[in-house]
Amino acid sequence: MRSLPAQRRPPVAADRSGNVVLEFALALPILVLLLVGLIDLGNFGLQKSAMLQGARAGAQYGIVVYSGVNSASTSDSANVNSTAQTATGLTGVTATNTLFCECVSGTTVACTTTCGSGQTLKHYVRVNTTKSFNSVLSVATLNFGGYGSWTPPTSVSASVTMIVP
């Protein structure tokens, strides 16, 4: 009876047992960069949504406060700003509001004047909210060589304009 030949060990070039670890090590930096970018984008989107909600709440409050009023008082303006800041649910938010008027033709005029030839004077309130944005990345700009560069945003802002009935 013939004996089976002894198992020979394959040559080193044919040994593929470490390929998975090597490929993972090469792909890991790219995957981490994508994950950090997604986290940063999600954080920016959430803050942008909160800023928009705050500006909307401030403008809605401004409609109530400024309804039928030709000029805003300091306390009314401060209350509109405070409402916008609080409605965001974020810290470090600054809010500003302006009351402006225009005629039906689209011409911006002072709120104390009247429009000519029977045009209606329309009152608007605009609320702007702004907050600084801290990126997950601590660098100011990422350089990708010949492929370009990316600079993370430094602030988040939103603006809402509503007509005062």
C-alpha atoms as a PDB file:
ATOM      1  CA  MET A   1       0.000   0.000   0.000  1.00  0.00           C
ATOM      2  CA  ARG A   2       1.197   3.417  -0.862  1.00  0.00           C
ATOM      3  CA  SER A   3       1.465   6.087   1.744  1.00  0.00           C
ATOM      4  CA  LEU A   4       0.069   9.522   1.169  1.00  0.00           C
ATOM      5  CA  PRO A   5       2.607  12.217   0.516  1.00  0.00           C
ATOM      6  CA  ALA A   6       3.284  14.483   3.440  1.00  0.00           C
ATOM      7  CA  GLN A   7       1.503  17.809   3.354  1.00  0.00           C
ATOM      8  CA  ARG A   8       3.827  20.408   2.006  1.00  0.00           C
ATOM      9  CA  ARG A   9       3.695  23.907   3.262  1.00  0.00           C
ATOM     10  CA  PRO A  10       2.713  26.439   0.547  1.00  0.00           C
ATOM     11  CA  PRO A  11       5.281  29.009  -0.521  1.00  0.00           C
ATOM     12  CA  VAL A  12       5.243  32.348   1.294  1.00  0.00           C
ATOM     13  CA  ALA A  13       3.909  34.168  -1.774  1.00  0.00           C
ATOM     14  CA  ALA A  14       0.850  31.946  -1.799  1.00  0.00           C
ATOM     15  CA  ASP A  15       0.076  32.483   1.910  1.00  0.00           C
ATOM     16  CA  ARG A  16      -2.916  34.854   2.144  1.00  0.00           C
ATOM     17  CA  SER A  17      -3.772  34.555   5.818  1.00  0.00           C
ATOM     18  CA  GLY A  18      -2.976  38.217   6.682  1.00  0.00           C
ATOM     19  CA  ASN A  19      -4.789  39.905   3.775  1.00  0.00           C
ATOM     20  CA  VAL A  20      -7.911  40.810   5.731  1.00  0.00           C
ATOM     21  CA  VAL A  21      -5.939  42.557   8.460  1.00  0.00           C
ATOM     22  CA  LEU A  22      -3.831  44.441   5.915  1.00  0.00           C
ATOM     23  CA  GLU A  23      -6.861  45.597   3.900  1.00  0.00           C
ATOM     24  CA  PHE A  24      -8.643  46.703   7.083  1.00  0.00           C
ATOM     25  CA  ALA A  25      -5.581  48.672   8.178  1.00  0.00           C
ATOM     26  CA  LEU A  26      -5.494  50.462   4.825  1.00  0.00           C
ATOM     27  CA  ALA A  27      -9.234  51.212   4.791  1.00  0.00           C
ATOM     28  CA  LEU A  28      -9.546  52.282   8.450  1.00  0.00           C
ATOM     29  CA  PRO A  29      -8.271  55.900   8.049  1.00  0.00           C
ATOM     30  CA  ILE A  30     -10.698  56.504   5.197  1.00  0.00           C
ATOM     31  CA  LEU A  31     -13.593  55.024   7.156  1.00  0.00           C
ATOM     32  CA  VAL A  32     -12.725  57.122  10.235  1.00  0.00           C
ATOM     33  CA  LEU A  33     -12.548  60.295   8.107  1.00  0.00           C
ATOM     34  CA  LEU A  34     -15.977  59.525   6.637  1.00  0.00           C
ATOM     35  CA  LEU A  35     -17.422  58.850  10.100  1.00  0.00           C
ATOM     36  CA  VAL A  36     -16.035  62.105  11.523  1.00  0.00           C
ATOM     37  CA  GLY A  37     -17.433  63.990   8.525  1.00  0.00           C
ATOM     38  CA  LEU A  38     -20.872  62.447   9.017  1.00  0.00           C
ATOM     39  CA  ILE A  39     -20.861  63.317  12.718  1.00  0.00           C
ATOM     40  CA  ASP A  40     -19.863  66.898  11.906  1.00  0.00           C
ATOM     41  CA  LEU A  41     -22.513  67.206   9.194  1.00  0.00           C
ATOM     42  CA  GLY A  42     -25.198  65.794  11.491  1.00  0.00           C
ATOM     43  CA  ASN A  43     -24.239  68.172  14.299  1.00  0.00           C
ATOM     44  CA  PHE A  44     -24.331  71.144  11.913  1.00  0.00           C
ATOM     45  CA  GLY A  45     -27.728  70.066  10.558  1.00  0.00           C
ATOM     46  CA  LEU A  46     -29.221  69.746  14.034  1.00  0.00           C
ATOM     47  CA  GLN A  47     -27.943  73.169  15.058  1.00  0.00           C
ATOM     48  CA  LYS A  48     -29.155  74.743  11.790  1.00  0.00           C
ATOM     49  CA  SER A  49     -32.616  73.265  12.365  1.00  0.00           C
ATOM     50  CA  ALA A  50     -32.684  74.595  15.938  1.00  0.00           C
ATOM     51  CA  MET A  51     -31.602  78.048  14.745  1.00  0.00           C
ATOM     52  CA  LEU A  52     -34.356  78.090  12.125  1.00  0.00           C
ATOM     53  CA  GLN A  53     -36.928  77.030  14.728  1.00  0.00           C
ATOM     54  CA  GLY A  54     -35.772  79.816  17.039  1.00  0.00           C
ATOM     55  CA  ALA A  55     -35.942  82.446  14.294  1.00  0.00           C
ATOM     56  CA  ARG A  56     -39.431  81.228  13.354  1.00  0.00           C
ATOM     57  CA  ALA A  57     -40.638  81.391  16.984  1.00  0.00           C
ATOM     58  CA  GLY A  58     -39.199  84.897  17.351  1.00  0.00           C
ATOM     59  CA  ALA A  59     -40.887  86.071  14.146  1.00  0.00           C
ATOM     60  CA  GLN A  60     -44.226  84.584  15.234  1.00  0.00           C
ATOM     61  CA  TYR A  61     -43.938  86.386  18.559  1.00  0.00           C
ATOM     62  CA  GLY A  62     -42.984  89.540  16.652  1.00  0.00           C
ATOM     63  CA  ILE A  63     -46.189  89.297  14.625  1.00  0.00           C
ATOM     64  CA  VAL A  64     -48.206  89.375  17.853  1.00  0.00           C
ATOM     65  CA  VAL A  65     -46.145  92.162  19.447  1.00  0.00           C
ATOM     66  CA  TYR A  66     -45.884  94.398  16.379  1.00  0.00           C
ATOM     67  CA  SER A  67     -49.408  93.865  15.051  1.00  0.00           C
ATOM     68  CA  GLY A  68     -50.832  97.305  14.324  1.00  0.00           C
ATOM     69  CA  VAL A  69     -47.706  99.085  15.646  1.00  0.00           C
ATOM     70  CA  ASN A  70     -45.722 101.446  13.436  1.00  0.00           C
ATOM     71  CA  SER A  71     -42.509 101.419  15.451  1.00  0.00           C
ATOM     72  CA  ALA A  72     -41.029  98.837  17.749  1.00  0.00           C
ATOM     73  CA  SER A  73     -40.202  99.708  21.314  1.00  0.00           C
ATOM     74  CA  THR A  74     -36.961  98.567  22.896  1.00  0.00           C
ATOM     75  CA  SER A  75     -38.711  96.172  25.270  1.00  0.00           C
ATOM     76  CA  ASP A  76     -40.722  94.598  22.416  1.00  0.00           C
ATOM     77  CA  SER A  77     -37.553  94.099  20.402  1.00  0.00           C
ATOM     78  CA  ALA A  78     -35.739  92.578  23.378  1.00  0.00           C
ATOM     79  CA  ASN A  79     -38.659  90.198  24.002  1.00  0.00           C
ATOM     80  CA  VAL A  80     -38.665  89.044  20.377  1.00  0.00           C
ATOM     81  CA  ASN A  81     -34.908  88.416  20.554  1.00  0.00           C
ATOM     82  CA  SER A  82     -35.233  86.586  23.867  1.00  0.00           C
ATOM     83  CA  THR A  83     -38.006  84.388  22.459  1.00  0.00           C
ATOM     84  CA  ALA A  84     -35.869  83.478  19.456  1.00  0.00           C
ATOM     85  CA  GLN A  85     -32.840  82.669  21.617  1.00  0.00           C
ATOM     86  CA  THR A  86     -34.821  80.535  24.052  1.00  0.00           C
ATOM     87  CA  ALA A  87     -36.693  78.629  21.326  1.00  0.00           C
ATOM     88  CA  THR A  88     -33.457  77.314  19.828  1.00  0.00           C
ATOM     89  CA  GLY A  89     -32.613  75.342  22.958  1.00  0.00           C
ATOM     90  CA  LEU A  90     -28.934  76.127  22.358  1.00  0.00           C
ATOM     91  CA  THR A  91     -26.468  78.254  24.307  1.00  0.00           C
ATOM     92  CA  GLY A  92     -24.511  81.164  22.854  1.00  0.00           C
ATOM     93  CA  VAL A  93     -27.224  82.218  20.389  1.00  0.00           C
ATOM     94  CA  THR A  94     -27.574  85.858  19.398  1.00  0.00           C
ATOM     95  CA  ALA A  95     -30.802  87.099  17.857  1.00  0.00           C
ATOM     96  CA  THR A  96     -31.686  90.369  16.171  1.00  0.00           C
ATOM     97  CA  ASN A  97     -34.961  91.540  14.719  1.00  0.00           C
ATOM     98  CA  THR A  98     -36.000  94.342  12.440  1.00  0.00           C
ATOM     99  CA  LEU A  99     -39.378  95.752  11.549  1.00  0.00           C
ATOM    100  CA  PHE A 100     -39.556  97.150   8.034  1.00  0.00           C
ATOM    101  CA  CYS A 101     -42.247  98.241   5.622  1.00  0.00           C
ATOM    102  CA  GLU A 102     -42.828  98.291   1.888  1.00  0.00           C
ATOM    103  CA  CYS A 103     -45.549  99.250  -0.499  1.00  0.00           C
ATOM    104  CA  VAL A 104     -47.408  96.689  -2.596  1.00  0.00           C
ATOM    105  CA  SER A 105     -45.176  97.634  -5.522  1.00  0.00           C
ATOM    106  CA  GLY A 106     -42.162  96.328  -3.581  1.00  0.00           C
ATOM    107  CA  THR A 107     -40.635  99.698  -2.740  1.00  0.00           C
ATOM    108  CA  THR A 108     -39.172  99.777   0.780  1.00  0.00           C
ATOM    109  CA  VAL A 109     -40.365 102.819   2.734  1.00  0.00           C
ATOM    110  CA  ALA A 110     -40.321 104.064   6.313  1.00  0.00           C
ATOM    111  CA  CYS A 111     -43.100 102.555   8.415  1.00  0.00           C
ATOM    112  CA  THR A 112     -44.374 106.037   9.334  1.00  0.00           C
ATOM    113  CA  THR A 113     -45.137 107.006   5.725  1.00  0.00           C
ATOM    114  CA  THR A 114     -48.019 106.070   3.454  1.00  0.00           C
ATOM    115  CA  CYS A 115     -47.848 104.591  -0.002  1.00  0.00           C
ATOM    116  CA  GLY A 116     -49.071 106.716  -2.897  1.00  0.00           C
ATOM    117  CA  SER A 117     -52.035 106.103  -5.211  1.00  0.00           C
ATOM    118  CA  GLY A 118     -53.985 103.897  -2.825  1.00  0.00           C
ATOM    119  CA  GLN A 119     -51.275 101.259  -2.339  1.00  0.00           C
ATOM    120  CA  THR A 120     -51.278  99.315   0.891  1.00  0.00           C
ATOM    121  CA  LEU A 121     -48.375  99.593   3.328  1.00  0.00           C
ATOM    122  CA  LYS A 122     -47.149  96.131   4.362  1.00  0.00           C
ATOM    123  CA  HIS A 123     -45.289  95.580   7.660  1.00  0.00           C
ATOM    124  CA  TYR A 124     -42.692  92.799   8.012  1.00  0.00           C
ATOM    125  CA  VAL A 125     -40.656  91.434  10.890  1.00  0.00           C
ATOM    126  CA  ARG A 126     -37.334  89.719  10.212  1.00  0.00           C
ATOM    127  CA  VAL A 127     -35.534  87.688  12.883  1.00  0.00           C
ATOM    128  CA  ASN A 128     -31.908  86.558  12.455  1.00  0.00           C
ATOM    129  CA  THR A 129     -30.262  84.014  14.756  1.00  0.00           C
ATOM    130  CA  THR A 130     -26.520  83.296  14.817  1.00  0.00           C
ATOM    131  CA  LYS A 131     -24.275  80.974  16.795  1.00  0.00           C
ATOM    132  CA  SER A 132     -20.649  79.940  16.478  1.00  0.00           C
ATOM    133  CA  PHE A 133     -20.107  76.349  15.330  1.00  0.00           C
ATOM    134  CA  ASN A 134     -17.357  74.151  16.723  1.00  0.00           C
ATOM    135  CA  SER A 135     -16.389  71.429  14.296  1.00  0.00           C
ATOM    136  CA  VAL A 136     -15.299  67.986  15.465  1.00  0.00           C
ATOM    137  CA  LEU A 137     -12.155  68.581  13.459  1.00  0.00           C
ATOM    138  CA  SER A 138      -9.715  70.866  15.237  1.00  0.00           C
ATOM    139  CA  VAL A 139      -8.039  72.050  12.035  1.00  0.00           C
ATOM    140  CA  ALA A 140      -9.073  75.162  10.174  1.00  0.00           C
ATOM    141  CA  THR A 141      -8.749  73.594   6.711  1.00  0.00           C
ATOM    142  CA  LEU A 142      -8.233  70.054   5.482  1.00  0.00           C
ATOM    143  CA  ASN A 143      -5.996  69.862   2.419  1.00  0.00           C
ATOM    144  CA  PHE A 144      -6.438  66.962   0.022  1.00  0.00           C
ATOM    145  CA  GLY A 145      -3.529  67.850  -2.243  1.00  0.00           C
ATOM    146  CA  GLY A 146      -4.537  68.095  -5.895  1.00  0.00           C
ATOM    147  CA  TYR A 147      -8.091  67.055  -5.040  1.00  0.00           C
ATOM    148  CA  GLY A 148      -8.934  70.293  -3.227  1.00  0.00           C
ATOM    149  CA  SER A 149      -9.502  71.380   0.351  1.00  0.00           C
ATOM    150  CA  TRP A 150     -12.360  71.681   2.824  1.00  0.00           C
ATOM    151  CA  THR A 151     -12.941  74.324   5.484  1.00  0.00           C
ATOM    152  CA  PRO A 152     -15.495  73.505   8.185  1.00  0.00           C
ATOM    153  CA  PRO A 153     -18.143  76.158   8.900  1.00  0.00           C
ATOM    154  CA  THR A 154     -17.454  78.530  11.790  1.00  0.00           C
ATOM    155  CA  SER A 155     -21.003  79.728  12.408  1.00  0.00           C
ATOM    156  CA  VAL A 156     -24.613  78.652  12.031  1.00  0.00           C
ATOM    157  CA  SER A 157     -27.295  81.200  11.198  1.00  0.00           C
ATOM    158  CA  ALA A 158     -30.919  81.370  10.152  1.00  0.00           C
ATOM    159  CA  SER A 159     -33.268  84.137   9.083  1.00  0.00           C
ATOM    160  CA  VAL A 160     -37.064  84.240   8.938  1.00  0.00           C
ATOM    161  CA  THR A 161     -39.194  87.079   7.557  1.00  0.00           C
ATOM    162  CA  MET A 162     -42.957  87.186   8.189  1.00  0.00           C
ATOM    163  CA  ILE A 163     -45.611  89.713   7.305  1.00  0.00           C
ATOM    164  CA  VAL A 164     -47.337  91.485  10.185  1.00  0.00           C
ATOM    165  CA  PRO A 165     -51.112  91.520   9.584  1.00  0.00           C
END
